[in-house]
């Protein structure tokens, strides 16, 4: 696709020493912007007033950024940095911030993921685990599926002796509407291999990430 078929956003940080560039497909972005303009009209707003004039385009770009995970291959992320290593204890990456969109209301949910695996001859780059989390979180989701997708991808690619995933998240669809409960959050788990067959492994994982044991 030619460069002029993209809409470019540029952001500068640290007195213009750092530049971030985002490219959005022009045809798709303009179509999304027109839809959002119509939504503003339907809810009774004036999309031509000063504060809203550029909103449809901003939202068109934002929704593509928030849902960019559809264009990311989570398995390839792990395969791109897999190394042979004789390490036998668990590897944990905890407190991974995640932001996702509930597929039922398209309202955000957010929280953190804790991911562990027990290598079976191979390890992956530490940054790849959060990238896998983001690859699935940046889609329309439910927390249960998100948890399983992270687990299953690590299990499939690394073929470890065990995988454990815990997600703790607040759902704005429960906080802003519906039951409107502000202090509740949801915990989901997925674990396999030695985390299933050796309870002490699972207990160690929960202790290390600062959670109480959750019984299967």
Protein backbone atom coordinates (compact mmCIF):
# COMPACT_ATOMS: atom_id res chain seq x y z
CA UNK A 1 0.00 0.00 0.00
CA UNK A 2 1.39 3.38 -0.97
CA UNK A 3 2.36 5.83 1.75
CA UNK A 4 -0.29 8.35 0.67
CA UNK A 5 -3.00 5.78 1.44
CA UNK A 6 -2.29 6.20 5.15
CA UNK A 7 -3.18 8.92 7.62
CA UNK A 8 -0.17 9.73 9.75
CA UNK A 9 -0.19 10.84 13.37
CA UNK A 10 3.03 12.21 14.84
CA UNK A 11 3.71 12.80 18.52
CA UNK A 12 6.80 14.42 19.96
CA UNK A 13 8.14 13.89 23.47
CA UNK A 14 11.02 15.26 25.57
CA UNK A 15 11.39 18.57 23.73
CA UNK A 16 11.01 16.84 20.36
CA UNK A 17 13.89 14.44 21.03
CA UNK A 18 11.58 11.43 20.65
CA UNK A 19 9.01 11.00 17.91
CA UNK A 20 6.20 8.47 17.73
CA UNK A 21 4.52 7.89 14.38
CA UNK A 22 1.28 5.98 13.88
CA UNK A 23 -0.14 5.11 10.47
CA UNK A 24 -3.83 4.44 9.89
CA UNK A 25 -5.30 3.09 6.63
CA UNK A 26 -6.95 6.09 5.00
CA UNK A 27 -10.06 4.44 3.55
CA UNK A 28 -10.91 2.56 6.73
CA UNK A 29 -10.24 5.55 8.96
CA UNK A 30 -12.41 7.92 6.93
CA UNK A 31 -15.23 5.37 6.90
CA UNK A 32 -15.03 4.89 10.67
CA UNK A 33 -14.97 8.67 11.20
CA UNK A 34 -18.14 9.06 9.15
CA UNK A 35 -19.89 6.37 11.22
CA UNK A 36 -18.88 8.08 14.47
CA UNK A 37 -20.14 11.40 13.11
CA UNK A 38 -23.52 9.78 12.48
CA UNK A 39 -23.53 8.33 16.01
CA UNK A 40 -23.01 11.81 17.44
CA UNK A 41 -26.01 13.06 15.45
CA UNK A 42 -28.19 10.12 16.54
CA UNK A 43 -27.52 10.71 20.25
CA UNK A 44 -28.51 14.36 19.83
CA UNK A 45 -25.13 16.09 19.57
CA UNK A 46 -23.90 18.56 16.99
CA UNK A 47 -20.76 17.06 15.39
CA UNK A 48 -19.98 20.45 13.83
CA UNK A 49 -19.55 22.33 17.09
CA UNK A 50 -16.00 23.25 18.07
CA UNK A 51 -15.46 20.63 20.75
CA UNK A 52 -16.70 17.77 18.58
CA UNK A 53 -15.58 18.78 15.11
CA UNK A 54 -12.46 16.58 15.15
CA UNK A 55 -13.88 13.93 17.47
CA UNK A 56 -15.03 11.43 14.80
CA UNK A 57 -11.52 11.28 13.32
CA UNK A 58 -9.90 11.03 16.76
CA UNK A 59 -12.20 8.15 17.73
CA UNK A 60 -11.64 6.43 14.38
CA UNK A 61 -7.92 6.41 15.09
CA UNK A 62 -8.36 5.49 18.75
CA UNK A 63 -10.54 2.45 18.09
CA UNK A 64 -7.99 1.07 15.63
CA UNK A 65 -5.21 1.58 18.17
CA UNK A 66 -7.23 -0.04 20.97
CA UNK A 67 -8.08 -3.07 18.81
CA UNK A 68 -4.76 -3.48 17.02
CA UNK A 69 -4.35 -7.00 18.41
CA UNK A 70 -6.33 -8.42 15.51
CA UNK A 71 -3.29 -7.74 13.32
CA UNK A 72 -0.71 -9.25 15.70
CA UNK A 73 0.42 -12.89 15.59
CA UNK A 74 0.92 -13.83 19.24
CA UNK A 75 2.58 -17.15 18.39
CA UNK A 76 5.12 -15.43 16.15
CA UNK A 77 5.99 -13.06 18.99
CA UNK A 78 7.23 -16.01 21.03
CA UNK A 79 8.87 -17.78 18.11
CA UNK A 80 10.86 -14.66 17.29
CA UNK A 81 12.78 -14.92 20.57
CA UNK A 82 12.95 -18.53 21.73
CA UNK A 83 16.27 -19.73 23.09
CA UNK A 84 17.60 -23.10 24.16
CA UNK A 85 18.39 -22.90 27.87
CA UNK A 86 18.71 -25.52 30.62
CA UNK A 87 16.67 -23.67 33.25
CA UNK A 88 14.33 -25.84 35.31
CA UNK A 89 12.53 -23.49 37.73
CA UNK A 90 9.54 -21.33 36.94
CA UNK A 91 9.81 -18.04 35.11
CA UNK A 92 7.30 -15.41 36.25
CA UNK A 93 6.38 -12.09 34.71
CA UNK A 94 3.92 -10.44 37.07
CA UNK A 95 1.92 -7.22 37.28
CA UNK A 96 1.61 -6.89 33.50
CA UNK A 97 -0.78 -3.99 32.93
CA UNK A 98 -3.53 -4.81 30.48
CA UNK A 99 -6.27 -2.79 28.84
CA UNK A 100 -9.01 -4.43 26.85
CA UNK A 101 -12.53 -3.85 25.54
CA UNK A 102 -15.51 -5.88 26.70
CA UNK A 103 -17.13 -7.39 23.63
CA UNK A 104 -20.60 -7.13 25.14
CA UNK A 105 -20.71 -3.34 25.61
CA UNK A 106 -17.44 -2.17 24.01
CA UNK A 107 -16.53 -0.58 27.35
CA UNK A 108 -12.99 -1.02 28.72
CA UNK A 109 -11.81 -3.44 31.34
CA UNK A 110 -8.35 -3.12 32.81
CA UNK A 111 -6.06 -4.70 35.35
CA UNK A 112 -2.99 -6.88 35.47
CA UNK A 113 -1.85 -10.31 34.41
CA UNK A 114 0.57 -12.66 36.13
CA UNK A 115 2.14 -15.27 33.86
CA UNK A 116 4.47 -18.15 34.71
CA UNK A 117 5.91 -21.11 32.87
CA UNK A 118 8.30 -23.92 33.71
CA UNK A 119 10.79 -24.27 30.84
CA UNK A 120 11.32 -27.57 29.10
CA UNK A 121 14.63 -26.77 27.42
CA UNK A 122 13.58 -23.42 25.95
CA UNK A 123 12.90 -19.92 27.27
CA UNK A 124 11.59 -16.78 25.58
CA UNK A 125 12.62 -13.15 25.85
CA UNK A 126 11.04 -11.61 28.94
CA UNK A 127 9.41 -8.78 26.98
CA UNK A 128 7.61 -11.31 24.79
CA UNK A 129 5.25 -12.39 27.55
CA UNK A 130 3.74 -8.89 27.99
CA UNK A 131 3.58 -8.59 24.19
CA UNK A 132 1.51 -11.78 24.04
CA UNK A 133 -0.79 -10.37 26.72
CA UNK A 134 -1.23 -7.18 24.67
CA UNK A 135 -1.78 -9.09 21.43
CA UNK A 136 -4.91 -10.70 22.86
CA UNK A 137 -6.00 -7.87 25.17
CA UNK A 138 -6.13 -5.40 22.28
CA UNK A 139 -9.22 -7.08 20.85
CA UNK A 140 -12.90 -7.26 21.75
CA UNK A 141 -12.70 -9.70 24.62
CA UNK A 142 -14.08 -11.39 27.65
CA UNK A 143 -11.65 -11.96 30.50
CA UNK A 144 -12.16 -15.72 30.54
CA UNK A 145 -11.18 -16.11 26.89
CA UNK A 146 -8.26 -13.71 27.24
CA UNK A 147 -6.86 -15.80 30.09
CA UNK A 148 -7.10 -19.01 28.08
CA UNK A 149 -5.61 -17.49 24.92
CA UNK A 150 -2.50 -16.30 26.77
CA UNK A 151 -2.11 -19.70 28.44
CA UNK A 152 -2.70 -21.74 25.29
CA UNK A 153 -0.29 -19.72 23.14
CA UNK A 154 2.60 -20.05 25.60
CA UNK A 155 1.82 -23.74 26.04
CA UNK A 156 1.71 -24.37 22.29
CA UNK A 157 4.85 -22.50 21.28
CA UNK A 158 7.24 -23.10 24.18
CA UNK A 159 5.92 -26.58 25.09
CA UNK A 160 6.93 -26.01 28.73
CA UNK A 161 6.43 -28.33 31.69
CA UNK A 162 3.66 -26.07 32.92
CA UNK A 163 1.93 -22.73 32.38
CA UNK A 164 -0.02 -20.59 34.84
CA UNK A 165 -1.94 -17.38 34.10
CA UNK A 166 -3.93 -15.18 36.48
CA UNK A 167 -5.74 -12.01 35.47
CA UNK A 168 -7.22 -9.50 37.91
CA UNK A 169 -9.37 -6.85 36.22
CA UNK A 170 -11.91 -4.11 36.83
CA UNK A 171 -14.77 -3.94 34.33
CA UNK A 172 -16.28 -0.56 33.59
CA UNK A 173 -19.43 -2.28 32.34
CA UNK A 174 -19.97 -3.27 35.99
CA UNK A 175 -18.82 0.08 37.39
CA UNK A 176 -20.37 2.68 35.06
CA UNK A 177 -23.63 0.87 34.22
CA UNK A 178 -25.54 -2.25 35.18
CA UNK A 179 -24.95 -3.15 38.84
CA UNK A 180 -22.59 -0.15 39.31
CA UNK A 181 -20.33 -1.88 41.85
CA UNK A 182 -17.15 0.16 42.23
CA UNK A 183 -14.96 -2.12 44.35
CA UNK A 184 -15.49 -5.53 42.78
CA UNK A 185 -12.97 -7.02 40.40
CA UNK A 186 -12.76 -10.29 38.52
CA UNK A 187 -10.05 -12.96 38.88
CA UNK A 188 -9.60 -15.63 36.21
CA UNK A 189 -7.04 -18.44 36.09
CA UNK A 190 -5.66 -20.99 33.68
CA UNK A 191 -2.93 -23.47 34.50
CA UNK A 192 -1.64 -26.79 33.24
CA UNK A 193 1.20 -29.30 33.42
CA UNK A 194 3.16 -29.28 36.68
CA UNK A 195 0.97 -26.46 37.98
CA UNK A 196 -1.88 -28.99 37.80
CA UNK A 197 -0.06 -32.12 38.93
CA UNK A 198 2.17 -30.58 41.61
CA UNK A 199 0.08 -28.39 43.96
CA UNK A 200 3.22 -27.00 45.57
CA UNK A 201 4.19 -25.43 42.23
CA UNK A 202 0.87 -23.64 42.01
CA UNK A 203 1.10 -22.50 45.64
CA UNK A 204 4.59 -21.16 45.00
CA UNK A 205 3.31 -19.23 41.97
CA UNK A 206 0.44 -17.67 43.92
CA UNK A 207 2.74 -16.75 46.78
CA UNK A 208 5.28 -15.13 44.47
CA UNK A 209 2.68 -12.98 42.74
CA UNK A 210 1.10 -12.01 46.05
CA UNK A 211 -2.20 -13.87 45.74
CA UNK A 212 -3.98 -16.32 47.98
CA UNK A 213 -4.31 -19.88 46.74
CA UNK A 214 -7.27 -20.29 44.41
CA UNK A 215 -8.58 -23.84 44.49
CA UNK A 216 -9.34 -25.54 41.22
